[in-house]
């Protein structure tokens, strides 16, 4: 497989993952994704921002989130996110520390 085809397939897979998380499974909470898988929608928007920066395209965290979410992040939260239990919040603290603060790439 040539590099261009590989890149196009990877991009298509990313778009499908985004569609799944943003349209098919809006009910899945970011905190549940982070606690179970070690990443969430916000991580994907951060990775998008980092990939842009590697190519000399600067954008803020808020801009990257709006691109990923298709709307301002606060609007997404209002429409789709629910309050997390204290237990989930405690699990999140561990998952965030392990997967975001220690993220090497």
PDB file of N, CA and C in Angstrom:
ATOM      1  N   UNK A   1       0.858  -1.180   0.000  1.00  0.00           N
ATOM      2  CA  UNK A   1       0.000   0.000   0.000  1.00  0.00           C
ATOM      3  C   UNK A   1       0.897   1.233   0.000  1.00  0.00           C
ATOM      4  N   UNK A   2       0.591   2.180  -0.860  1.00  0.00           N
ATOM      5  CA  UNK A   2       1.401   3.402  -0.899  1.00  0.00           C
ATOM      6  C   UNK A   2       0.991   4.332   0.251  1.00  0.00           C
ATOM      7  N   UNK A   3       1.877   5.279   0.556  1.00  0.00           N
ATOM      8  CA  UNK A   3       1.651   6.175   1.700  1.00  0.00           C
ATOM      9  C   UNK A   3       0.372   6.993   1.570  1.00  0.00           C
ATOM     10  N   UNK A   4       0.078   7.505   0.384  1.00  0.00           N
ATOM     11  CA  UNK A   4      -1.123   8.333   0.204  1.00  0.00           C
ATOM     12  C   UNK A   4      -2.387   7.525   0.480  1.00  0.00           C
ATOM     13  N   UNK A   5      -2.435   6.293  -0.007  1.00  0.00           N
ATOM     14  CA  UNK A   5      -3.597   5.439   0.236  1.00  0.00           C
ATOM     15  C   UNK A   5      -3.728   5.136   1.723  1.00  0.00           C
ATOM     16  N   UNK A   6      -2.613   4.832   2.384  1.00  0.00           N
ATOM     17  CA  UNK A   6      -2.627   4.568   3.826  1.00  0.00           C
ATOM     18  C   UNK A   6      -3.157   5.777   4.586  1.00  0.00           C
ATOM     19  N   UNK A   7      -2.685   6.967   4.232  1.00  0.00           N
ATOM     20  CA  UNK A   7      -3.137   8.200   4.888  1.00  0.00           C
ATOM     21  C   UNK A   7      -4.637   8.398   4.686  1.00  0.00           C
ATOM     22  N   UNK A   8      -5.119   8.163   3.478  1.00  0.00           N
ATOM     23  CA  UNK A   8      -6.545   8.325   3.188  1.00  0.00           C
ATOM     24  C   UNK A   8      -7.391   7.324   3.967  1.00  0.00           C
ATOM     25  N   UNK A   9      -6.913   6.100   4.094  1.00  0.00           N
ATOM     26  CA  UNK A   9      -7.637   5.081   4.861  1.00  0.00           C
ATOM     27  C   UNK A   9      -7.629   5.438   6.350  1.00  0.00           C
ATOM     28  N   UNK A  10      -6.481   5.880   6.858  1.00  0.00           N
ATOM     29  CA  UNK A  10      -6.420   6.299   8.266  1.00  0.00           C
ATOM     30  C   UNK A  10      -7.356   7.470   8.527  1.00  0.00           C
ATOM     31  N   UNK A  11      -7.401   8.428   7.614  1.00  0.00           N
ATOM     32  CA  UNK A  11      -8.298   9.585   7.765  1.00  0.00           C
ATOM     33  C   UNK A  11      -9.757   9.139   7.738  1.00  0.00           C
ATOM     34  N   UNK A  12     -10.081   8.199   6.865  1.00  0.00           N
ATOM     35  CA  UNK A  12     -11.457   7.691   6.794  1.00  0.00           C
ATOM     36  C   UNK A  12     -11.830   6.981   8.092  1.00  0.00           C
ATOM     37  N   UNK A  13     -10.901   6.210   8.643  1.00  0.00           N
ATOM     38  CA  UNK A  13     -11.163   5.518   9.909  1.00  0.00           C
ATOM     39  C   UNK A  13     -11.372   6.529  11.038  1.00  0.00           C
ATOM     40  N   UNK A  14     -10.580   7.602  11.073  1.00  0.00           N
ATOM     41  CA  UNK A  14     -10.754   8.648  12.076  1.00  0.00           C
ATOM     42  C   UNK A  14     -12.124   9.302  11.929  1.00  0.00           C
ATOM     43  N   UNK A  15     -12.511   9.620  10.690  1.00  0.00           N
ATOM     44  CA  UNK A  15     -13.828  10.241  10.478  1.00  0.00           C
ATOM     45  C   UNK A  15     -14.949   9.317  10.941  1.00  0.00           C
ATOM     46  N   UNK A  16     -14.794   8.031  10.724  1.00  0.00           N
ATOM     47  CA  UNK A  16     -15.824   7.077  11.161  1.00  0.00           C
ATOM     48  C   UNK A  16     -15.861   6.974  12.679  1.00  0.00           C
ATOM     49  N   UNK A  17     -14.700   6.987  13.332  1.00  0.00           N
ATOM     50  CA  UNK A  17     -14.663   6.994  14.796  1.00  0.00           C
ATOM     51  C   UNK A  17     -15.353   8.247  15.322  1.00  0.00           C
ATOM     52  N   UNK A  18     -15.050   9.389  14.739  1.00  0.00           N
ATOM     53  CA  UNK A  18     -15.681  10.634  15.162  1.00  0.00           C
ATOM     54  C   UNK A  18     -17.195  10.549  14.989  1.00  0.00           C
ATOM     55  N   UNK A  19     -17.645  10.057  13.834  1.00  0.00           N
ATOM     56  CA  UNK A  19     -19.095   9.916  13.601  1.00  0.00           C
ATOM     57  C   UNK A  19     -19.709   9.000  14.654  1.00  0.00           C
ATOM     58  N   UNK A  20     -19.051   7.907  14.962  1.00  0.00           N
ATOM     59  CA  UNK A  20     -19.577   6.963  15.947  1.00  0.00           C
ATOM     60  C   UNK A  20     -19.738   7.642  17.312  1.00  0.00           C
ATOM     61  N   UNK A  21     -18.714   8.384  17.726  1.00  0.00           N
ATOM     62  CA  UNK A  21     -18.763   9.028  19.042  1.00  0.00           C
ATOM     63  C   UNK A  21     -19.668  10.252  19.082  1.00  0.00           C
ATOM     64  N   UNK A  22     -19.783  10.960  17.954  1.00  0.00           N
ATOM     65  CA  UNK A  22     -20.526  12.212  17.951  1.00  0.00           C
ATOM     66  C   UNK A  22     -21.982  12.053  17.522  1.00  0.00           C
ATOM     67  N   UNK A  23     -22.269  11.029  16.741  1.00  0.00           N
ATOM     68  CA  UNK A  23     -23.631  10.862  16.232  1.00  0.00           C
ATOM     69  C   UNK A  23     -24.278   9.568  16.719  1.00  0.00           C
ATOM     70  N   UNK A  24     -23.567   8.465  16.581  1.00  0.00           N
ATOM     71  CA  UNK A  24     -24.154   7.161  16.912  1.00  0.00           C
ATOM     72  C   UNK A  24     -24.245   6.923  18.416  1.00  0.00           C
ATOM     73  N   UNK A  25     -23.263   7.412  19.169  1.00  0.00           N
ATOM     74  CA  UNK A  25     -23.215   7.130  20.607  1.00  0.00           C
ATOM     75  C   UNK A  25     -23.024   8.392  21.447  1.00  0.00           C
ATOM     76  N   UNK A  26     -23.877   9.363  21.214  1.00  0.00           N
ATOM     77  CA  UNK A  26     -23.852  10.588  22.020  1.00  0.00           C
ATOM     78  C   UNK A  26     -24.090  10.277  23.490  1.00  0.00           C
ATOM     79  N   UNK A  27     -24.751   9.143  23.746  1.00  0.00           N
ATOM     80  CA  UNK A  27     -25.092   8.768  25.116  1.00  0.00           C
ATOM     81  C   UNK A  27     -23.883   8.362  25.942  1.00  0.00           C
ATOM     82  N   UNK A  28     -22.796   7.977  25.292  1.00  0.00           N
ATOM     83  CA  UNK A  28     -21.598   7.565  26.025  1.00  0.00           C
ATOM     84  C   UNK A  28     -20.903   8.814  26.545  1.00  0.00           C
ATOM     85  N   UNK A  29     -20.733   8.873  27.832  1.00  0.00           N
ATOM     86  CA  UNK A  29     -20.149  10.040  28.473  1.00  0.00           C
ATOM     87  C   UNK A  29     -18.633  10.048  28.313  1.00  0.00           C
ATOM     88  N   UNK A  30     -18.054  11.247  28.187  1.00  0.00           N
ATOM     89  CA  UNK A  30     -16.598  11.369  28.082  1.00  0.00           C
ATOM     90  C   UNK A  30     -15.907  10.719  29.277  1.00  0.00           C
ATOM     91  N   UNK A  31     -16.452  10.900  30.453  1.00  0.00           N
ATOM     92  CA  UNK A  31     -15.814  10.355  31.646  1.00  0.00           C
ATOM     93  C   UNK A  31     -15.785   8.826  31.588  1.00  0.00           C
ATOM     94  N   UNK A  32     -16.834   8.212  31.031  1.00  0.00           N
ATOM     95  CA  UNK A  32     -16.857   6.754  30.898  1.00  0.00           C
ATOM     96  C   UNK A  32     -15.811   6.286  29.887  1.00  0.00           C
ATOM     97  N   UNK A  33     -15.678   7.026  28.777  1.00  0.00           N
ATOM     98  CA  UNK A  33     -14.644   6.695  27.797  1.00  0.00           C
ATOM     99  C   UNK A  33     -13.257   6.769  28.430  1.00  0.00           C
ATOM    100  N   UNK A  34     -13.006   7.845  29.140  1.00  0.00           N
ATOM    101  CA  UNK A  34     -11.687   8.033  29.763  1.00  0.00           C
ATOM    102  C   UNK A  34     -11.420   6.946  30.798  1.00  0.00           C
ATOM    103  N   UNK A  35     -12.401   6.669  31.622  1.00  0.00           N
ATOM    104  CA  UNK A  35     -12.204   5.682  32.677  1.00  0.00           C
ATOM    105  C   UNK A  35     -11.991   4.279  32.114  1.00  0.00           C
ATOM    106  N   UNK A  36     -12.654   3.964  31.029  1.00  0.00           N
ATOM    107  CA  UNK A  36     -12.552   2.620  30.454  1.00  0.00           C
ATOM    108  C   UNK A  36     -11.402   2.493  29.461  1.00  0.00           C
ATOM    109  N   UNK A  37     -11.277   3.477  28.564  1.00  0.00           N
ATOM    110  CA  UNK A  37     -10.338   3.342  27.454  1.00  0.00           C
ATOM    111  C   UNK A  37      -9.090   4.210  27.579  1.00  0.00           C
ATOM    112  N   UNK A  38      -9.105   5.157  28.500  1.00  0.00           N
ATOM    113  CA  UNK A  38      -7.942   6.024  28.656  1.00  0.00           C
ATOM    114  C   UNK A  38      -7.907   7.193  27.685  1.00  0.00           C
ATOM    115  N   UNK A  39      -8.997   7.418  26.958  1.00  0.00           N
ATOM    116  CA  UNK A  39      -9.119   8.589  26.088  1.00  0.00           C
ATOM    117  C   UNK A  39     -10.595   8.919  25.937  1.00  0.00           C
ATOM    118  N   UNK A  40     -10.870  10.151  25.503  1.00  0.00           N
ATOM    119  CA  UNK A  40     -12.252  10.567  25.271  1.00  0.00           C
ATOM    120  C   UNK A  40     -12.290  11.523  24.090  1.00  0.00           C
ATOM    121  N   UNK A  41     -13.419  12.107  23.845  1.00  0.00           N
ATOM    122  CA  UNK A  41     -13.566  13.046  22.737  1.00  0.00           C
ATOM    123  C   UNK A  41     -12.614  14.228  22.885  1.00  0.00           C
ATOM    124  N   UNK A  42     -12.412  14.693  24.116  1.00  0.00           N
ATOM    125  CA  UNK A  42     -11.494  15.809  24.331  1.00  0.00           C
ATOM    126  C   UNK A  42     -10.063  15.425  23.966  1.00  0.00           C
ATOM    127  N   UNK A  43      -9.687  14.186  24.228  1.00  0.00           N
ATOM    128  CA  UNK A  43      -8.356  13.715  23.825  1.00  0.00           C
ATOM    129  C   UNK A  43      -8.236  13.757  22.309  1.00  0.00           C
ATOM    130  N   UNK A  44      -9.269  13.311  21.611  1.00  0.00           N
ATOM    131  CA  UNK A  44      -9.229  13.332  20.154  1.00  0.00           C
ATOM    132  C   UNK A  44      -9.087  14.755  19.631  1.00  0.00           C
ATOM    133  N   UNK A  45      -9.776  15.701  20.250  1.00  0.00           N
ATOM    134  CA  UNK A  45      -9.633  17.091  19.804  1.00  0.00           C
ATOM    135  C   UNK A  45      -8.232  17.615  20.124  1.00  0.00           C
ATOM    136  N   UNK A  46      -7.656  17.190  21.240  1.00  0.00           N
ATOM    137  CA  UNK A  46      -6.283  17.597  21.592  1.00  0.00           C
ATOM    138  C   UNK A  46      -5.291  17.003  20.600  1.00  0.00           C
ATOM    139  N   UNK A  47      -5.482  15.737  20.231  1.00  0.00           N
ATOM    140  CA  UNK A  47      -4.589  15.109  19.248  1.00  0.00           C
ATOM    141  C   UNK A  47      -4.699  15.813  17.904  1.00  0.00           C
ATOM    142  N   UNK A  48      -5.891  16.255  17.551  1.00  0.00           N
ATOM    143  CA  UNK A  48      -6.111  17.033  16.327  1.00  0.00           C
ATOM    144  C   UNK A  48      -5.309  18.333  16.409  1.00  0.00           C
ATOM    145  N   UNK A  49      -5.416  19.014  17.532  1.00  0.00           N
ATOM    146  CA  UNK A  49      -4.689  20.269  17.752  1.00  0.00           C
ATOM    147  C   UNK A  49      -3.184  20.041  17.661  1.00  0.00           C
ATOM    148  N   UNK A  50      -2.692  18.971  18.282  1.00  0.00           N
ATOM    149  CA  UNK A  50      -1.256  18.665  18.252  1.00  0.00           C
ATOM    150  C   UNK A  50      -0.786  18.337  16.836  1.00  0.00           C
ATOM    151  N   UNK A  51      -1.592  17.592  16.077  1.00  0.00           N
ATOM    152  CA  UNK A  51      -1.232  17.261  14.697  1.00  0.00           C
ATOM    153  C   UNK A  51      -1.173  18.530  13.844  1.00  0.00           C
ATOM    154  N   UNK A  52      -2.095  19.451  14.072  1.00  0.00           N
ATOM    155  CA  UNK A  52      -2.071  20.727  13.342  1.00  0.00           C
ATOM    156  C   UNK A  52      -0.812  21.508  13.696  1.00  0.00           C
ATOM    157  N   UNK A  53      -0.483  21.563  14.988  1.00  0.00           N
ATOM    158  CA  UNK A  53       0.706  22.298  15.436  1.00  0.00           C
ATOM    159  C   UNK A  53       1.979  21.727  14.812  1.00  0.00           C
ATOM    160  N   UNK A  54       2.038  20.410  14.661  1.00  0.00           N
ATOM    161  CA  UNK A  54       3.198  19.776  14.028  1.00  0.00           C
ATOM    162  C   UNK A  54       3.363  20.234  12.580  1.00  0.00           C
ATOM    163  N   UNK A  55       2.293  20.710  11.989  1.00  0.00           N
ATOM    164  CA  UNK A  55       2.320  21.188  10.604  1.00  0.00           C
ATOM    165  C   UNK A  55       2.333  22.711  10.534  1.00  0.00           C
ATOM    166  N   UNK A  56       2.599  23.356  11.675  1.00  0.00           N
ATOM    167  CA  UNK A  56       2.697  24.805  11.716  1.00  0.00           C
ATOM    168  C   UNK A  56       1.371  25.525  11.774  1.00  0.00           C
ATOM    169  N   UNK A  57       0.285  24.813  12.063  1.00  0.00           N
ATOM    170  CA  UNK A  57      -1.037  25.422  12.154  1.00  0.00           C
ATOM    171  C   UNK A  57      -1.380  25.559  13.633  1.00  0.00           C
ATOM    172  N   UNK A  58      -1.411  26.789  14.094  1.00  0.00           N
ATOM    173  CA  UNK A  58      -1.703  27.036  15.503  1.00  0.00           C
ATOM    174  C   UNK A  58      -3.202  27.187  15.708  1.00  0.00           C
ATOM    175  N   UNK A  59      -3.701  26.539  16.749  1.00  0.00           N
ATOM    176  CA  UNK A  59      -5.105  26.700  17.137  1.00  0.00           C
ATOM    177  C   UNK A  59      -5.198  26.489  18.641  1.00  0.00           C
ATOM    178  N   UNK A  60      -6.145  27.151  19.239  1.00  0.00           N
ATOM    179  CA  UNK A  60      -6.345  27.010  20.678  1.00  0.00           C
ATOM    180  C   UNK A  60      -7.065  25.702  20.983  1.00  0.00           C
ATOM    181  N   UNK A  61      -7.058  25.341  22.242  1.00  0.00           N
ATOM    182  CA  UNK A  61      -7.806  24.156  22.677  1.00  0.00           C
ATOM    183  C   UNK A  61      -9.283  24.313  22.328  1.00  0.00           C
ATOM    184  N   UNK A  62      -9.827  25.516  22.543  1.00  0.00           N
ATOM    185  CA  UNK A  62     -11.237  25.757  22.248  1.00  0.00           C
ATOM    186  C   UNK A  62     -11.520  25.634  20.752  1.00  0.00           C
ATOM    187  N   UNK A  63     -10.614  26.139  19.918  1.00  0.00           N
ATOM    188  CA  UNK A  63     -10.802  26.025  18.470  1.00  0.00           C
ATOM    189  C   UNK A  63     -10.776  24.558  18.031  1.00  0.00           C
ATOM    190  N   UNK A  64      -9.834  23.798  18.563  1.00  0.00           N
ATOM    191  CA  UNK A  64      -9.741  22.381  18.209  1.00  0.00           C
ATOM    192  C   UNK A  64     -10.992  21.637  18.658  1.00  0.00           C
ATOM    193  N   UNK A  65     -11.469  21.940  19.847  1.00  0.00           N
ATOM    194  CA  UNK A  65     -12.689  21.284  20.323  1.00  0.00           C
ATOM    195  C   UNK A  65     -13.878  21.630  19.452  1.00  0.00           C
ATOM    196  N   UNK A  66     -13.987  22.885  19.054  1.00  0.00           N
ATOM    197  CA  UNK A  66     -15.122  23.275  18.213  1.00  0.00           C
ATOM    198  C   UNK A  66     -15.061  22.567  16.862  1.00  0.00           C
ATOM    199  N   UNK A  67     -13.866  22.408  16.307  1.00  0.00           N
ATOM    200  CA  UNK A  67     -13.724  21.662  15.055  1.00  0.00           C
ATOM    201  C   UNK A  67     -14.150  20.217  15.274  1.00  0.00           C
ATOM    202  N   UNK A  68     -13.654  19.595  16.343  1.00  0.00           N
ATOM    203  CA  UNK A  68     -13.977  18.191  16.589  1.00  0.00           C
ATOM    204  C   UNK A  68     -15.462  17.992  16.914  1.00  0.00           C
ATOM    205  N   UNK A  69     -15.988  18.794  17.828  1.00  0.00           N
ATOM    206  CA  UNK A  69     -17.373  18.639  18.268  1.00  0.00           C
ATOM    207  C   UNK A  69     -18.382  19.182  17.263  1.00  0.00           C
ATOM    208  N   UNK A  70     -17.945  20.043  16.358  1.00  0.00           N
ATOM    209  CA  UNK A  70     -18.860  20.643  15.393  1.00  0.00           C
ATOM    210  C   UNK A  70     -19.703  21.748  16.001  1.00  0.00           C
ATOM    211  N   UNK A  71     -19.325  22.187  17.180  1.00  0.00           N
ATOM    212  CA  UNK A  71     -20.029  23.244  17.908  1.00  0.00           C
ATOM    213  C   UNK A  71     -19.159  23.620  19.102  1.00  0.00           C
ATOM    214  N   UNK A  72     -19.437  24.739  19.737  1.00  0.00           N
ATOM    215  CA  UNK A  72     -18.684  25.063  20.957  1.00  0.00           C
ATOM    216  C   UNK A  72     -18.829  23.928  21.988  1.00  0.00           C
ATOM    217  N   UNK A  73     -17.738  23.617  22.665  1.00  0.00           N
ATOM    218  CA  UNK A  73     -17.728  22.511  23.611  1.00  0.00           C
ATOM    219  C   UNK A  73     -18.789  22.672  24.692  1.00  0.00           C
ATOM    220  N   UNK A  74     -18.973  23.889  25.192  1.00  0.00           N
ATOM    221  CA  UNK A  74     -19.997  24.099  26.230  1.00  0.00           C
ATOM    222  C   UNK A  74     -21.390  23.735  25.732  1.00  0.00           C
ATOM    223  N   UNK A  75     -21.660  23.982  24.447  1.00  0.00           N
ATOM    224  CA  UNK A  75     -22.954  23.590  23.877  1.00  0.00           C
ATOM    225  C   UNK A  75     -23.090  22.068  23.862  1.00  0.00           C
ATOM    226  N   UNK A  76     -22.016  21.375  23.455  1.00  0.00           N
ATOM    227  CA  UNK A  76     -22.031  19.901  23.448  1.00  0.00           C
ATOM    228  C   UNK A  76     -22.314  19.381  24.855  1.00  0.00           C
ATOM    229  N   UNK A  77     -21.590  19.914  25.842  1.00  0.00           N
ATOM    230  CA  UNK A  77     -21.782  19.462  27.226  1.00  0.00           C
ATOM    231  C   UNK A  77     -23.226  19.659  27.672  1.00  0.00           C
ATOM    232  N   UNK A  78     -23.782  20.817  27.379  1.00  0.00           N
ATOM    233  CA  UNK A  78     -25.163  21.107  27.769  1.00  0.00           C
ATOM    234  C   UNK A  78     -26.135  20.121  27.133  1.00  0.00           C
ATOM    235  N   UNK A  79     -25.905  19.794  25.876  1.00  0.00           N
ATOM    236  CA  UNK A  79     -26.820  18.916  25.145  1.00  0.00           C
ATOM    237  C   UNK A  79     -26.633  17.433  25.461  1.00  0.00           C
ATOM    238  N   UNK A  80     -25.422  17.021  25.837  1.00  0.00           N
ATOM    239  CA  UNK A  80     -25.131  15.585  25.863  1.00  0.00           C
ATOM    240  C   UNK A  80     -24.515  15.021  27.132  1.00  0.00           C
ATOM    241  N   UNK A  81     -23.902  15.832  27.941  1.00  0.00           N
ATOM    242  CA  UNK A  81     -23.201  15.298  29.097  1.00  0.00           C
ATOM    243  C   UNK A  81     -24.046  15.416  30.368  1.00  0.00           C
ATOM    244  N   UNK A  82     -23.891  14.446  31.239  1.00  0.00           N
ATOM    245  CA  UNK A  82     -24.596  14.450  32.518  1.00  0.00           C
ATOM    246  C   UNK A  82     -23.583  14.559  33.648  1.00  0.00           C
ATOM    247  N   UNK A  83     -24.060  14.874  34.817  1.00  0.00           N
ATOM    248  CA  UNK A  83     -23.185  14.985  35.991  1.00  0.00           C
ATOM    249  C   UNK A  83     -22.660  13.601  36.367  1.00  0.00           C
ATOM    250  N   UNK A  84     -21.361  13.530  36.617  1.00  0.00           N
ATOM    251  CA  UNK A  84     -20.735  12.257  36.978  1.00  0.00           C
ATOM    252  C   UNK A  84     -20.797  12.050  38.488  1.00  0.00           C
ATOM    253  N   UNK A  85     -20.932  10.810  38.874  1.00  0.00           N
ATOM    254  CA  UNK A  85     -20.950  10.461  40.295  1.00  0.00           C
ATOM    255  C   UNK A  85     -19.567  10.703  40.904  1.00  0.00           C
ATOM    256  N   UNK A  86     -19.501  10.849  42.222  1.00  0.00           N
ATOM    257  CA  UNK A  86     -18.197  11.001  42.876  1.00  0.00           C
ATOM    258  C   UNK A  86     -17.256   9.828  42.583  1.00  0.00           C
ATOM    259  N   UNK A  87     -17.798   8.619  42.461  1.00  0.00           N
ATOM    260  CA  UNK A  87     -16.966   7.445  42.156  1.00  0.00           C
ATOM    261  C   UNK A  87     -16.342   7.568  40.763  1.00  0.00           C
ATOM    262  N   UNK A  88     -17.151   7.974  39.782  1.00  0.00           N
ATOM    263  CA  UNK A  88     -16.628   8.152  38.425  1.00  0.00           C
ATOM    264  C   UNK A  88     -15.600   9.271  38.377  1.00  0.00           C
ATOM    265  N   UNK A  89     -15.844  10.332  39.137  1.00  0.00           N
ATOM    266  CA  UNK A  89     -14.887  11.438  39.172  1.00  0.00           C
ATOM    267  C   UNK A  89     -13.558  10.991  39.770  1.00  0.00           C
ATOM    268  N   UNK A  90     -13.600  10.145  40.787  1.00  0.00           N
ATOM    269  CA  UNK A  90     -12.364   9.627  41.389  1.00  0.00           C
ATOM    270  C   UNK A  90     -11.619   8.731  40.398  1.00  0.00           C
ATOM    271  N   UNK A  91     -12.357   7.885  39.685  1.00  0.00           N
ATOM    272  CA  UNK A  91     -11.742   7.041  38.653  1.00  0.00           C
ATOM    273  C   UNK A  91     -11.119   7.905  37.565  1.00  0.00           C
ATOM    274  N   UNK A  92     -11.808   8.989  37.216  1.00  0.00           N
ATOM    275  CA  UNK A  92     -11.307   9.887  36.181  1.00  0.00           C
ATOM    276  C   UNK A  92      -9.982  10.516  36.588  1.00  0.00           C
ATOM    277  N   UNK A  93      -9.867  10.917  37.835  1.00  0.00           N
ATOM    278  CA  UNK A  93      -8.613  11.527  38.296  1.00  0.00           C
ATOM    279  C   UNK A  93      -7.436  10.595  38.026  1.00  0.00           C
ATOM    280  N   UNK A  94      -7.626   9.313  38.296  1.00  0.00           N
ATOM    281  CA  UNK A  94      -6.574   8.317  38.056  1.00  0.00           C
ATOM    282  C   UNK A  94      -6.342   8.161  36.551  1.00  0.00           C
ATOM    283  N   UNK A  95      -7.413   7.980  35.781  1.00  0.00           N
ATOM    284  CA  UNK A  95      -7.290   7.782  34.337  1.00  0.00           C
ATOM    285  C   UNK A  95      -6.645   8.992  33.666  1.00  0.00           C
ATOM    286  N   UNK A  96      -7.030  10.182  34.081  1.00  0.00           N
ATOM    287  CA  UNK A  96      -6.458  11.399  33.503  1.00  0.00           C
ATOM    288  C   UNK A  96      -4.970  11.478  33.808  1.00  0.00           C
ATOM    289  N   UNK A  97      -4.614  11.220  35.033  1.00  0.00           N
ATOM    290  CA  UNK A  97      -3.204  11.261  35.434  1.00  0.00           C
ATOM    291  C   UNK A  97      -2.393  10.247  34.635  1.00  0.00           C
ATOM    292  N   UNK A  98      -2.911   9.036  34.486  1.00  0.00           N
ATOM    293  CA  UNK A  98      -2.195   7.961  33.800  1.00  0.00           C
ATOM    294  C   UNK A  98      -2.144   8.155  32.283  1.00  0.00           C
ATOM    295  N   UNK A  99      -3.216   8.696  31.698  1.00  0.00           N
ATOM    296  CA  UNK A  99      -3.328   8.710  30.252  1.00  0.00           C
ATOM    297  C   UNK A  99      -3.127  10.075  29.590  1.00  0.00           C
ATOM    298  N   UNK A 100      -3.307  11.134  30.324  1.00  0.00           N
ATOM    299  CA  UNK A 100      -3.147  12.452  29.724  1.00  0.00           C
ATOM    300  C   UNK A 100      -1.887  13.130  30.254  1.00  0.00           C
ATOM    301  N   UNK A 101      -1.742  13.207  31.556  1.00  0.00           N
ATOM    302  CA  UNK A 101      -0.577  13.865  32.111  1.00  0.00           C
ATOM    303  C   UNK A 101       0.710  13.126  31.788  1.00  0.00           C
ATOM    304  N   UNK A 102       0.615  11.806  31.653  1.00  0.00           N
ATOM    305  CA  UNK A 102       1.790  10.999  31.324  1.00  0.00           C
ATOM    306  C   UNK A 102       1.854  10.625  29.853  1.00  0.00           C
ATOM    307  N   UNK A 103       0.977  11.235  29.035  1.00  0.00           N
ATOM    308  CA  UNK A 103       0.892  10.920  27.599  1.00  0.00           C
ATOM    309  C   UNK A 103       2.183  11.355  26.914  1.00  0.00           C
ATOM    310  N   UNK A 104       2.777  10.420  26.229  1.00  0.00           N
ATOM    311  CA  UNK A 104       4.020  10.728  25.504  1.00  0.00           C
ATOM    312  C   UNK A 104       3.771  10.932  24.017  1.00  0.00           C
ATOM    313  N   UNK A 105       2.520  10.926  23.594  1.00  0.00           N
ATOM    314  CA  UNK A 105       2.284  11.145  22.173  1.00  0.00           C
ATOM    315  C   UNK A 105       1.008  10.646  21.775  1.00  0.00           C
TER     316      UNK A 105
END
